[in-house]
Amino acid sequence: MRVITLDKNAKVESTVDSYLGSMEELSPMVHKSYHELADTPVIEKDSLAQLHANIETLTDLQARLSFLMREVRYLMKV
């Protein structure tokens, strides 16, 4: 059996508070992406904007894939 003794006078710093405190000092995160055939090959975007663009791309690809699977199922029935 393990006995844990706590020193109630010891100061404990919350890791969440220290993390949020460091976040206030930082500027918004920027994501750099390289597009070889574009006019400007290096593009900097806000991480949140890049996330939204990626979600839109995934939604579009999922819709296309579901259409393709529906067509394949139709052809297999015939």
PDB file of N, CA and C in Angstrom:
ATOM      1  N   MET A   1       0.840  -1.171   0.000  1.00  0.00           N
ATOM      2  CA  MET A   1       0.000   0.000   0.000  1.00  0.00           C
ATOM      3  C   MET A   1       0.885   1.234   0.000  1.00  0.00           C
ATOM      4  N   ARG A   2       0.523   2.220  -0.836  1.00  0.00           N
ATOM      5  CA  ARG A   2       1.300   3.438  -0.955  1.00  0.00           C
ATOM      6  C   ARG A   2       0.614   4.557  -0.192  1.00  0.00           C
ATOM      7  N   VAL A   3       1.387   5.292   0.562  1.00  0.00           N
ATOM      8  CA  VAL A   3       0.875   6.431   1.310  1.00  0.00           C
ATOM      9  C   VAL A   3       1.461   7.686   0.690  1.00  0.00           C
ATOM     10  N   ILE A   4       0.573   8.612   0.324  1.00  0.00           N
ATOM     11  CA  ILE A   4       1.007   9.863  -0.287  1.00  0.00           C
ATOM     12  C   ILE A   4       0.792  10.979   0.716  1.00  0.00           C
ATOM     13  N   THR A   5       1.865  11.700   1.013  1.00  0.00           N
ATOM     14  CA  THR A   5       1.755  12.837   1.923  1.00  0.00           C
ATOM     15  C   THR A   5       1.902  14.109   1.108  1.00  0.00           C
ATOM     16  N   LEU A   6       1.022  15.043   1.335  1.00  0.00           N
ATOM     17  CA  LEU A   6       1.041  16.300   0.603  1.00  0.00           C
ATOM     18  C   LEU A   6       1.469  17.426   1.520  1.00  0.00           C
ATOM     19  N   ASP A   7       2.311  18.279   0.988  1.00  0.00           N
ATOM     20  CA  ASP A   7       2.707  19.475   1.724  1.00  0.00           C
ATOM     21  C   ASP A   7       1.738  20.585   1.339  1.00  0.00           C
ATOM     22  N   LYS A   8       0.860  20.960   2.247  1.00  0.00           N
ATOM     23  CA  LYS A   8      -0.175  21.948   1.939  1.00  0.00           C
ATOM     24  C   LYS A   8       0.398  23.350   1.797  1.00  0.00           C
ATOM     25  N   ASN A   9       1.602  23.576   2.249  1.00  0.00           N
ATOM     26  CA  ASN A   9       2.207  24.898   2.146  1.00  0.00           C
ATOM     27  C   ASN A   9       2.966  25.081   0.832  1.00  0.00           C
ATOM     28  N   ALA A  10       3.142  24.018   0.082  1.00  0.00           N
ATOM     29  CA  ALA A  10       3.889  24.106  -1.173  1.00  0.00           C
ATOM     30  C   ALA A  10       3.035  24.802  -2.225  1.00  0.00           C
ATOM     31  N   LYS A  11       3.669  25.644  -3.039  1.00  0.00           N
ATOM     32  CA  LYS A  11       2.969  26.371  -4.087  1.00  0.00           C
ATOM     33  C   LYS A  11       2.993  25.530  -5.357  1.00  0.00           C
ATOM     34  N   VAL A  12       1.818  25.313  -5.915  1.00  0.00           N
ATOM     35  CA  VAL A  12       1.692  24.521  -7.143  1.00  0.00           C
ATOM     36  C   VAL A  12       1.185  25.440  -8.233  1.00  0.00           C
ATOM     37  N   GLU A  13       1.914  25.496  -9.358  1.00  0.00           N
ATOM     38  CA  GLU A  13       1.505  26.329 -10.475  1.00  0.00           C
ATOM     39  C   GLU A  13       0.662  25.492 -11.420  1.00  0.00           C
ATOM     40  N   SER A  14      -0.457  26.010 -11.780  1.00  0.00           N
ATOM     41  CA  SER A  14      -1.349  25.288 -12.688  1.00  0.00           C
ATOM     42  C   SER A  14      -0.764  25.314 -14.091  1.00  0.00           C
ATOM     43  N   THR A  15      -0.681  24.163 -14.719  1.00  0.00           N
ATOM     44  CA  THR A  15      -0.127  24.110 -16.073  1.00  0.00           C
ATOM     45  C   THR A  15      -1.065  24.761 -17.072  1.00  0.00           C
ATOM     46  N   VAL A  16      -2.365  24.714 -16.830  1.00  0.00           N
ATOM     47  CA  VAL A  16      -3.312  25.357 -17.743  1.00  0.00           C
ATOM     48  C   VAL A  16      -3.139  26.865 -17.703  1.00  0.00           C
ATOM     49  N   ASP A  17      -3.008  27.421 -16.507  1.00  0.00           N
ATOM     50  CA  ASP A  17      -2.823  28.863 -16.388  1.00  0.00           C
ATOM     51  C   ASP A  17      -1.520  29.315 -17.036  1.00  0.00           C
ATOM     52  N   SER A  18      -0.463  28.553 -16.850  1.00  0.00           N
ATOM     53  CA  SER A  18       0.808  28.925 -17.459  1.00  0.00           C
ATOM     54  C   SER A  18       0.739  28.800 -18.976  1.00  0.00           C
ATOM     55  N   TYR A  19       0.000  27.799 -19.470  1.00  0.00           N
ATOM     56  CA  TYR A  19      -0.147  27.624 -20.922  1.00  0.00           C
ATOM     57  C   TYR A  19      -0.947  28.768 -21.510  1.00  0.00           C
ATOM     58  N   LEU A  20      -2.071  29.121 -20.867  1.00  0.00           N
ATOM     59  CA  LEU A  20      -2.886  30.212 -21.384  1.00  0.00           C
ATOM     60  C   LEU A  20      -2.157  31.538 -21.285  1.00  0.00           C
ATOM     61  N   GLY A  21      -1.344  31.702 -20.275  1.00  0.00           N
ATOM     62  CA  GLY A  21      -0.560  32.924 -20.153  1.00  0.00           C
ATOM     63  C   GLY A  21       0.446  33.050 -21.285  1.00  0.00           C
ATOM     64  N   SER A  22       1.038  31.945 -21.690  1.00  0.00           N
ATOM     65  CA  SER A  22       1.992  31.993 -22.790  1.00  0.00           C
ATOM     66  C   SER A  22       1.294  32.184 -24.125  1.00  0.00           C
ATOM     67  N   MET A  23       0.024  31.762 -24.231  1.00  0.00           N
ATOM     68  CA  MET A  23      -0.725  31.931 -25.481  1.00  0.00           C
ATOM     69  C   MET A  23      -1.045  33.392 -25.749  1.00  0.00           C
ATOM     70  N   GLU A  24      -1.213  34.186 -24.693  1.00  0.00           N
ATOM     71  CA  GLU A  24      -1.520  35.597 -24.873  1.00  0.00           C
ATOM     72  C   GLU A  24      -0.361  36.343 -25.510  1.00  0.00           C
ATOM     73  N   GLU A  25       0.842  35.893 -25.267  1.00  0.00           N
ATOM     74  CA  GLU A  25       2.017  36.578 -25.783  1.00  0.00           C
ATOM     75  C   GLU A  25       2.284  36.248 -27.241  1.00  0.00           C
ATOM     76  N   LEU A  26       1.775  35.126 -27.719  1.00  0.00           N
ATOM     77  CA  LEU A  26       2.058  34.688 -29.077  1.00  0.00           C
ATOM     78  C   LEU A  26       1.113  35.335 -30.076  1.00  0.00           C
ATOM     79  N   SER A  27       1.605  35.527 -31.290  1.00  0.00           N
ATOM     80  CA  SER A  27       0.750  36.004 -32.369  1.00  0.00           C
ATOM     81  C   SER A  27       0.019  34.805 -32.970  1.00  0.00           C
ATOM     82  N   PRO A  28      -0.996  35.044 -33.795  1.00  0.00           N
ATOM     83  CA  PRO A  28      -1.720  33.918 -34.391  1.00  0.00           C
ATOM     84  C   PRO A  28      -0.782  33.015 -35.191  1.00  0.00           C
ATOM     85  N   MET A  29      -1.046  31.731 -35.132  1.00  0.00           N
ATOM     86  CA  MET A  29      -0.195  30.775 -35.838  1.00  0.00           C
ATOM     87  C   MET A  29      -0.408  30.916 -37.337  1.00  0.00           C
ATOM     88  N   VAL A  30       0.678  30.870 -38.076  1.00  0.00           N
ATOM     89  CA  VAL A  30       0.621  30.988 -39.527  1.00  0.00           C
ATOM     90  C   VAL A  30       1.169  29.706 -40.120  1.00  0.00           C
ATOM     91  N   HIS A  31       0.455  29.221 -41.126  1.00  0.00           N
ATOM     92  CA  HIS A  31       0.865  27.997 -41.800  1.00  0.00           C
ATOM     93  C   HIS A  31       1.412  28.357 -43.169  1.00  0.00           C
ATOM     94  N   LYS A  32       2.618  27.920 -43.467  1.00  0.00           N
ATOM     95  CA  LYS A  32       3.213  28.163 -44.775  1.00  0.00           C
ATOM     96  C   LYS A  32       3.031  26.919 -45.629  1.00  0.00           C
ATOM     97  N   SER A  33       2.574  27.119 -46.856  1.00  0.00           N
ATOM     98  CA  SER A  33       2.431  25.991 -47.774  1.00  0.00           C
ATOM     99  C   SER A  33       3.113  26.347 -49.089  1.00  0.00           C
ATOM    100  N   TYR A  34       3.624  25.329 -49.748  1.00  0.00           N
ATOM    101  CA  TYR A  34       4.369  25.509 -50.987  1.00  0.00           C
ATOM    102  C   TYR A  34       3.551  24.965 -52.142  1.00  0.00           C
ATOM    103  N   HIS A  35       3.309  25.806 -53.148  1.00  0.00           N
ATOM    104  CA  HIS A  35       2.590  25.414 -54.360  1.00  0.00           C
ATOM    105  C   HIS A  35       3.519  25.682 -55.532  1.00  0.00           C
ATOM    106  N   GLU A  36       4.027  24.623 -56.120  1.00  0.00           N
ATOM    107  CA  GLU A  36       5.078  24.746 -57.122  1.00  0.00           C
ATOM    108  C   GLU A  36       4.630  25.480 -58.380  1.00  0.00           C
ATOM    109  N   LEU A  37       3.405  25.257 -58.840  1.00  0.00           N
ATOM    110  CA  LEU A  37       2.954  25.835 -60.098  1.00  0.00           C
ATOM    111  C   LEU A  37       2.212  27.158 -59.929  1.00  0.00           C
ATOM    112  N   ALA A  38       2.103  27.663 -58.730  1.00  0.00           N
ATOM    113  CA  ALA A  38       1.389  28.920 -58.496  1.00  0.00           C
ATOM    114  C   ALA A  38       2.288  30.115 -58.815  1.00  0.00           C
ATOM    115  N   ASP A  39       1.643  31.286 -58.979  1.00  0.00           N
ATOM    116  CA  ASP A  39       2.411  32.513 -59.233  1.00  0.00           C
ATOM    117  C   ASP A  39       3.289  32.862 -58.046  1.00  0.00           C
ATOM    118  N   THR A  40       2.749  32.715 -56.854  1.00  0.00           N
ATOM    119  CA  THR A  40       3.539  32.891 -55.636  1.00  0.00           C
ATOM    120  C   THR A  40       3.649  31.525 -54.972  1.00  0.00           C
ATOM    121  N   PRO A  41       4.817  30.902 -55.023  1.00  0.00           N
ATOM    122  CA  PRO A  41       4.924  29.510 -54.562  1.00  0.00           C
ATOM    123  C   PRO A  41       4.745  29.310 -53.063  1.00  0.00           C
ATOM    124  N   VAL A  42       5.104  30.291 -52.245  1.00  0.00           N
ATOM    125  CA  VAL A  42       4.956  30.143 -50.794  1.00  0.00           C
ATOM    126  C   VAL A  42       3.793  31.017 -50.341  1.00  0.00           C
ATOM    127  N   ILE A  43       2.793  30.370 -49.751  1.00  0.00           N
ATOM    128  CA  ILE A  43       1.600  31.077 -49.305  1.00  0.00           C
ATOM    129  C   ILE A  43       1.474  30.912 -47.793  1.00  0.00           C
ATOM    130  N   GLU A  44       1.267  32.020 -47.104  1.00  0.00           N
ATOM    131  CA  GLU A  44       1.066  31.981 -45.653  1.00  0.00           C
ATOM    132  C   GLU A  44      -0.406  32.190 -45.359  1.00  0.00           C
ATOM    133  N   LYS A  45      -0.983  31.264 -44.579  1.00  0.00           N
ATOM    134  CA  LYS A  45      -2.383  31.369 -44.184  1.00  0.00           C
ATOM    135  C   LYS A  45      -2.488  31.181 -42.685  1.00  0.00           C
ATOM    136  N   ASP A  46      -3.520  31.769 -42.134  1.00  0.00           N
ATOM    137  CA  ASP A  46      -3.835  31.554 -40.733  1.00  0.00           C
ATOM    138  C   ASP A  46      -4.222  30.084 -40.562  1.00  0.00           C
ATOM    139  N   SER A  47      -3.829  29.489 -39.469  1.00  0.00           N
ATOM    140  CA  SER A  47      -4.100  28.066 -39.251  1.00  0.00           C
ATOM    141  C   SER A  47      -5.591  27.762 -39.233  1.00  0.00           C
ATOM    142  N   LEU A  48      -6.377  28.641 -38.660  1.00  0.00           N
ATOM    143  CA  LEU A  48      -7.819  28.419 -38.608  1.00  0.00           C
ATOM    144  C   LEU A  48      -8.434  28.503 -40.006  1.00  0.00           C
ATOM    145  N   ALA A  49      -7.963  29.450 -40.814  1.00  0.00           N
ATOM    146  CA  ALA A  49      -8.453  29.556 -42.193  1.00  0.00           C
ATOM    147  C   ALA A  49      -8.048  28.321 -42.997  1.00  0.00           C
ATOM    148  N   GLN A  50      -6.844  27.816 -42.769  1.00  0.00           N
ATOM    149  CA  GLN A  50      -6.388  26.607 -43.448  1.00  0.00           C
ATOM    150  C   GLN A  50      -7.225  25.406 -43.023  1.00  0.00           C
ATOM    151  N   LEU A  51      -7.587  25.336 -41.749  1.00  0.00           N
ATOM    152  CA  LEU A  51      -8.441  24.253 -41.265  1.00  0.00           C
ATOM    153  C   LEU A  51      -9.796  24.284 -41.951  1.00  0.00           C
ATOM    154  N   HIS A  52     -10.389  25.468 -42.065  1.00  0.00           N
ATOM    155  CA  HIS A  52     -11.683  25.589 -42.733  1.00  0.00           C
ATOM    156  C   HIS A  52     -11.578  25.201 -44.207  1.00  0.00           C
ATOM    157  N   ALA A  53     -10.503  25.596 -44.868  1.00  0.00           N
ATOM    158  CA  ALA A  53     -10.309  25.218 -46.269  1.00  0.00           C
ATOM    159  C   ALA A  53     -10.146  23.706 -46.406  1.00  0.00           C
ATOM    160  N   ASN A  54      -9.421  23.084 -45.477  1.00  0.00           N
ATOM    161  CA  ASN A  54      -9.246  21.628 -45.516  1.00  0.00           C
ATOM    162  C   ASN A  54     -10.569  20.903 -45.282  1.00  0.00           C
ATOM    163  N   ILE A  55     -11.401  21.418 -44.377  1.00  0.00           N
ATOM    164  CA  ILE A  55     -12.709  20.800 -44.131  1.00  0.00           C
ATOM    165  C   ILE A  55     -13.589  20.918 -45.365  1.00  0.00           C
ATOM    166  N   GLU A  56     -13.558  22.067 -46.045  1.00  0.00           N
ATOM    167  CA  GLU A  56     -14.331  22.230 -47.278  1.00  0.00           C
ATOM    168  C   GLU A  56     -13.853  21.258 -48.354  1.00  0.00           C
ATOM    169  N   THR A  57     -12.539  21.090 -48.470  1.00  0.00           N
ATOM    170  CA  THR A  57     -11.996  20.154 -49.455  1.00  0.00           C
ATOM    171  C   THR A  57     -12.411  18.725 -49.135  1.00  0.00           C
ATOM    172  N   LEU A  58     -12.337  18.344 -47.869  1.00  0.00           N
ATOM    173  CA  LEU A  58     -12.754  17.002 -47.473  1.00  0.00           C
ATOM    174  C   LEU A  58     -14.240  16.768 -47.711  1.00  0.00           C
ATOM    175  N   THR A  59     -15.061  17.775 -47.462  1.00  0.00           N
ATOM    176  CA  THR A  59     -16.495  17.654 -47.713  1.00  0.00           C
ATOM    177  C   THR A  59     -16.766  17.442 -49.192  1.00  0.00           C
ATOM    178  N   ASP A  60     -16.072  18.199 -50.031  1.00  0.00           N
ATOM    179  CA  ASP A  60     -16.230  18.050 -51.480  1.00  0.00           C
ATOM    180  C   ASP A  60     -15.788  16.672 -51.944  1.00  0.00           C
ATOM    181  N   LEU A  61     -14.630  16.209 -51.466  1.00  0.00           N
ATOM    182  CA  LEU A  61     -14.136  14.897 -51.856  1.00  0.00           C
ATOM    183  C   LEU A  61     -15.052  13.777 -51.379  1.00  0.00           C
ATOM    184  N   GLN A  62     -15.620  13.919 -50.180  1.00  0.00           N
ATOM    185  CA  GLN A  62     -16.532  12.905 -49.663  1.00  0.00           C
ATOM    186  C   GLN A  62     -17.803  12.850 -50.500  1.00  0.00           C
ATOM    187  N   ALA A  63     -18.311  14.007 -50.932  1.00  0.00           N
ATOM    188  CA  ALA A  63     -19.498  14.029 -51.790  1.00  0.00           C
ATOM    189  C   ALA A  63     -19.214  13.364 -53.135  1.00  0.00           C
ATOM    190  N   ARG A  64     -18.050  13.640 -53.691  1.00  0.00           N
ATOM    191  CA  ARG A  64     -17.684  13.008 -54.964  1.00  0.00           C
ATOM    192  C   ARG A  64     -17.537  11.499 -54.820  1.00  0.00           C
ATOM    193  N   LEU A  65     -16.927  11.065 -53.736  1.00  0.00           N
ATOM    194  CA  LEU A  65     -16.736   9.636 -53.510  1.00  0.00           C
ATOM    195  C   LEU A  65     -18.075   8.931 -53.292  1.00  0.00           C
ATOM    196  N   SER A  66     -18.979   9.560 -52.555  1.00  0.00           N
ATOM    197  CA  SER A  66     -20.288   8.932 -52.340  1.00  0.00           C
ATOM    198  C   SER A  66     -21.056   8.838 -53.653  1.00  0.00           C
ATOM    199  N   PHE A  67     -20.943   9.847 -54.530  1.00  0.00           N
ATOM    200  CA  PHE A  67     -21.573   9.773 -55.845  1.00  0.00           C
ATOM    201  C   PHE A  67     -20.984   8.621 -56.657  1.00  0.00           C
ATOM    202  N   LEU A  68     -19.671   8.497 -56.629  1.00  0.00           N
ATOM    203  CA  LEU A  68     -19.007   7.427 -57.377  1.00  0.00           C
ATOM    204  C   LEU A  68     -19.415   6.050 -56.847  1.00  0.00           C
ATOM    205  N   MET A  69     -19.482   5.904 -55.535  1.00  0.00           N
ATOM    206  CA  MET A  69     -19.895   4.621 -54.963  1.00  0.00           C
ATOM    207  C   MET A  69     -21.343   4.294 -55.310  1.00  0.00           C
ATOM    208  N   ARG A  70     -22.200   5.306 -55.339  1.00  0.00           N
ATOM    209  CA  ARG A  70     -23.586   5.083 -55.726  1.00  0.00           C
ATOM    210  C   ARG A  70     -23.672   4.611 -57.173  1.00  0.00           C
ATOM    211  N   GLU A  71     -22.870   5.201 -58.049  1.00  0.00           N
ATOM    212  CA  GLU A  71     -22.851   4.785 -59.454  1.00  0.00           C
ATOM    213  C   GLU A  71     -22.318   3.360 -59.603  1.00  0.00           C
ATOM    214  N   VAL A  72     -21.297   3.010 -58.845  1.00  0.00           N
ATOM    215  CA  VAL A  72     -20.740   1.651 -58.910  1.00  0.00           C
ATOM    216  C   VAL A  72     -21.779   0.641 -58.436  1.00  0.00           C
ATOM    217  N   ARG A  73     -22.488   0.947 -57.354  1.00  0.00           N
ATOM    218  CA  ARG A  73     -23.544   0.040 -56.871  1.00  0.00           C
ATOM    219  C   ARG A  73     -24.632  -0.138 -57.921  1.00  0.00           C
ATOM    220  N   TYR A  74     -24.991   0.952 -58.614  1.00  0.00           N
ATOM    221  CA  TYR A  74     -26.005   0.871 -59.659  1.00  0.00           C
ATOM    222  C   TYR A  74     -25.515  -0.030 -60.792  1.00  0.00           C
ATOM    223  N   LEU A  75     -24.270   0.121 -61.197  1.00  0.00           N
ATOM    224  CA  LEU A  75     -23.736  -0.701 -62.287  1.00  0.00           C
ATOM    225  C   LEU A  75     -23.612  -2.163 -61.895  1.00  0.00           C
ATOM    226  N   MET A  76     -23.357  -2.434 -60.625  1.00  0.00           N
ATOM    227  CA  MET A  76     -23.261  -3.821 -60.188  1.00  0.00           C
ATOM    228  C   MET A  76     -24.620  -4.505 -60.173  1.00  0.00           C
ATOM    229  N   LYS A  77     -25.695  -3.748 -59.965  1.00  0.00           N
ATOM    230  CA  LYS A  77     -27.026  -4.333 -59.971  1.00  0.00           C
ATOM    231  C   LYS A  77     -27.482  -4.697 -61.372  1.00  0.00           C
ATOM    232  N   VAL A  78     -27.009  -3.964 -62.364  1.00  0.00           N
ATOM    233  CA  VAL A  78     -27.445  -4.205 -63.754  1.00  0.00           C
ATOM    234  C   VAL A  78     -26.810  -5.397 -64.347  1.00  0.00           C
TER     235      VAL A  78
END
